[in-house]
Amino acid sequence: MKNLLGLTVLISLIAWGCKSDNCTPEKFTYRWTDVKTIDVVKDTASNHELYNMVDGNDLVFSYVRTGEVCEDVLDGDWSEVIRFRADKDASEFEYVDSNMAKAKCNFLYSSFSAHGIPQKVNKGTIKGRKLNSSEWEISLSIVTTPQAAEDTSRTFKFFQNFIQ
């Protein structure tokens, strides 16, 4: 019994200590683009709102977090995306609960095995200040509202510079 316990501990330590070298680390990107907008479309089959970034006359800000990707893990890919819009001519903006709909802010989680339904954002604060022609300072504190019963609400907070 002692030998079995010792062997189990040894194998566990070896497995824990072996980190695959063929992995791309988790990545965060904070970007913005102009001449785009967010189009909100109601899917009549599911009754969910879908959010599409399309050509337009707004600024669209995108936060993307991509999980660690390892070659030897078949279904490990995942990402989360938050997008929102602002007026193209703005040098600063602020969206708070009551006017959050103007931002068309949404959150989407997707993975190899699950392509999520976008979550609305009706609660929180998003503030932006233009620093120069290619950089914005963004403060975001939001709570998502799931459209699907199986999803859960998520909270996000960050203070970050977004680049073009």
Protein backbone atom coordinates (compact mmCIF):
# COMPACT_ATOMS: atom_id res chain seq x y z
CA MET A 1 0.00 0.00 0.00
CA LYS A 2 2.87 2.36 0.85
CA ASN A 3 4.51 1.62 -2.51
CA LEU A 4 1.25 2.36 -4.34
CA LEU A 5 0.85 5.65 -2.49
CA GLY A 6 4.47 6.59 -3.17
CA LEU A 7 4.12 5.71 -6.87
CA THR A 8 0.92 7.79 -7.12
CA VAL A 9 2.62 10.79 -5.50
CA LEU A 10 5.66 10.43 -7.77
CA ILE A 11 3.57 10.24 -10.95
CA SER A 12 1.48 13.22 -9.81
CA LEU A 13 4.59 15.31 -9.17
CA ILE A 14 6.07 14.42 -12.55
CA ALA A 15 2.82 15.21 -14.36
CA TRP A 16 2.40 18.48 -12.44
CA GLY A 17 6.00 19.51 -13.11
CA CYS A 18 5.85 18.79 -16.84
CA LYS A 19 4.51 21.85 -18.58
CA SER A 20 4.06 21.50 -22.30
CA ASP A 21 6.50 23.67 -24.26
CA ASN A 22 4.17 23.81 -27.25
CA CYS A 23 1.69 26.28 -25.75
CA THR A 24 0.89 29.85 -26.70
CA PRO A 25 0.26 31.84 -23.50
CA GLU A 26 -2.98 33.62 -22.66
CA LYS A 27 -3.26 36.93 -24.52
CA PHE A 28 -5.12 40.20 -23.91
CA THR A 29 -5.69 42.78 -26.65
CA TYR A 30 -7.27 46.22 -26.36
CA ARG A 31 -7.94 47.81 -29.76
CA TRP A 32 -10.22 50.33 -31.40
CA THR A 33 -11.16 51.06 -34.97
CA ASP A 34 -13.04 53.79 -36.77
CA VAL A 35 -15.49 53.70 -39.70
CA LYS A 36 -17.30 50.79 -38.04
CA THR A 37 -20.43 50.38 -35.96
CA ILE A 38 -22.24 47.65 -34.07
CA ASP A 39 -25.40 46.39 -35.71
CA VAL A 40 -27.91 44.74 -33.37
CA VAL A 41 -30.17 42.20 -35.05
CA LYS A 42 -32.97 40.17 -33.45
CA ASP A 43 -32.75 36.47 -34.39
CA THR A 44 -36.39 35.49 -34.83
CA ALA A 45 -35.70 31.77 -34.42
CA SER A 46 -33.99 32.07 -31.02
CA ASN A 47 -35.36 35.47 -29.96
CA HIS A 48 -31.79 36.54 -29.07
CA GLU A 49 -30.07 39.78 -30.02
CA LEU A 50 -26.97 39.31 -32.16
CA TYR A 51 -24.22 41.94 -32.35
CA ASN A 52 -22.25 42.39 -35.58
CA MET A 53 -19.39 44.79 -36.24
CA VAL A 54 -20.06 46.31 -39.66
CA ASP A 55 -18.94 49.30 -41.72
CA GLY A 56 -20.30 52.54 -40.28
CA ASN A 57 -19.46 55.94 -38.81
CA ASP A 58 -18.59 55.10 -35.21
CA LEU A 59 -15.59 54.12 -33.15
CA VAL A 60 -15.71 50.47 -32.04
CA PHE A 61 -13.64 49.32 -29.08
CA SER A 62 -12.75 45.64 -28.64
CA TYR A 63 -11.29 43.82 -25.66
CA VAL A 64 -10.25 40.25 -26.54
CA ARG A 65 -8.89 37.67 -24.13
CA THR A 66 -7.63 34.47 -25.72
CA GLY A 67 -6.88 31.53 -23.47
CA GLU A 68 -3.68 29.53 -23.50
CA VAL A 69 -3.52 27.30 -26.58
CA CYS A 70 -1.55 24.05 -26.46
CA GLU A 71 -0.92 21.85 -29.49
CA ASP A 72 -1.55 18.67 -27.51
CA VAL A 73 -4.97 19.80 -26.19
CA LEU A 74 -7.71 19.20 -28.72
CA ASP A 75 -10.47 21.43 -27.31
CA GLY A 76 -8.59 23.98 -25.21
CA ASP A 77 -9.13 27.04 -27.42
CA TRP A 78 -11.37 29.74 -25.95
CA SER A 79 -11.86 33.49 -26.09
CA GLU A 80 -13.96 36.24 -24.60
CA VAL A 81 -14.78 39.48 -26.36
CA ILE A 82 -16.30 42.75 -25.14
CA ARG A 83 -17.25 45.33 -27.77
CA PHE A 84 -18.85 48.75 -27.54
CA ARG A 85 -19.22 51.84 -29.71
CA ALA A 86 -18.77 55.60 -29.32
CA ASP A 87 -19.44 58.60 -31.56
CA LYS A 88 -16.69 59.08 -34.12
CA ASP A 89 -16.18 62.78 -33.30
CA ALA A 90 -15.99 62.29 -29.53
CA SER A 91 -12.84 63.18 -27.61
CA GLU A 92 -14.34 61.65 -24.46
CA PHE A 93 -17.49 59.74 -23.53
CA GLU A 94 -19.25 58.14 -20.59
CA TYR A 95 -21.96 55.50 -20.55
CA VAL A 96 -23.72 54.71 -17.28
CA ASP A 97 -26.60 52.30 -16.60
CA SER A 98 -29.39 54.47 -18.04
CA ASN A 99 -27.63 55.27 -21.33
CA MET A 100 -25.64 52.02 -21.73
CA ALA A 101 -27.88 50.97 -24.65
CA LYS A 102 -26.25 53.73 -26.74
CA ALA A 103 -22.90 51.95 -26.39
CA LYS A 104 -24.34 48.69 -27.80
CA CYS A 105 -21.96 46.97 -25.39
CA ASN A 106 -21.93 43.19 -25.54
CA PHE A 107 -19.91 40.22 -24.31
CA LEU A 108 -19.30 36.91 -26.09
CA TYR A 109 -17.55 33.79 -24.82
CA SER A 110 -16.68 31.08 -27.30
CA SER A 111 -14.63 27.92 -27.24
CA PHE A 112 -13.84 24.91 -29.41
CA SER A 113 -16.92 23.11 -28.18
CA ALA A 114 -19.28 25.99 -27.40
CA HIS A 115 -20.16 29.04 -29.44
CA GLY A 116 -21.92 31.27 -26.98
CA ILE A 117 -24.84 33.58 -27.29
CA PRO A 118 -23.90 37.25 -26.89
CA GLN A 119 -24.69 38.76 -23.52
CA LYS A 120 -26.10 42.27 -23.26
CA VAL A 121 -24.60 44.91 -21.02
CA ASN A 122 -27.18 47.16 -19.35
CA LYS A 123 -25.42 47.79 -16.07
CA GLY A 124 -22.15 49.52 -15.29
CA THR A 125 -19.95 52.35 -16.48
CA ILE A 126 -17.72 52.83 -19.50
CA LYS A 127 -15.60 56.00 -19.72
CA GLY A 128 -13.26 56.93 -22.53
CA ARG A 129 -10.78 59.74 -23.13
CA LYS A 130 -8.85 60.25 -26.35
CA LEU A 131 -5.12 60.53 -25.62
CA ASN A 132 -3.92 61.08 -29.21
CA SER A 133 -4.84 60.09 -32.78
CA SER A 134 -4.20 56.39 -32.16
CA GLU A 135 -4.82 55.80 -28.42
CA TRP A 136 -7.77 55.95 -26.01
CA GLU A 137 -7.82 55.54 -22.24
CA ILE A 138 -10.78 53.36 -21.25
CA SER A 139 -12.21 52.65 -17.81
CA LEU A 140 -14.78 49.85 -17.80
CA SER A 141 -16.84 48.32 -15.00
CA ILE A 142 -19.78 46.28 -16.31
CA VAL A 143 -22.11 43.40 -15.49
CA THR A 144 -23.41 41.26 -18.35
CA THR A 145 -27.01 40.11 -18.76
CA PRO A 146 -27.34 36.61 -20.25
CA GLN A 147 -29.85 35.98 -23.02
CA ALA A 148 -29.72 32.20 -22.60
CA ALA A 149 -30.91 30.38 -19.48
CA GLU A 150 -27.75 28.26 -19.28
CA ASP A 151 -25.43 31.30 -19.18
CA THR A 152 -24.40 33.19 -16.07
CA SER A 153 -23.86 36.88 -15.54
CA ARG A 154 -20.23 38.05 -15.62
CA THR A 155 -18.51 41.10 -14.13
CA PHE A 156 -15.59 42.86 -15.83
CA LYS A 157 -13.42 45.74 -14.62
CA PHE A 158 -10.36 47.24 -16.22
CA PHE A 159 -8.54 50.50 -16.83
CA GLN A 160 -6.58 50.17 -20.05
CA ASN A 161 -5.23 52.02 -23.07
CA PHE A 162 -6.74 50.90 -26.37
CA ILE A 163 -4.67 51.32 -29.54
CA GLN A 164 -5.70 51.54 -33.16
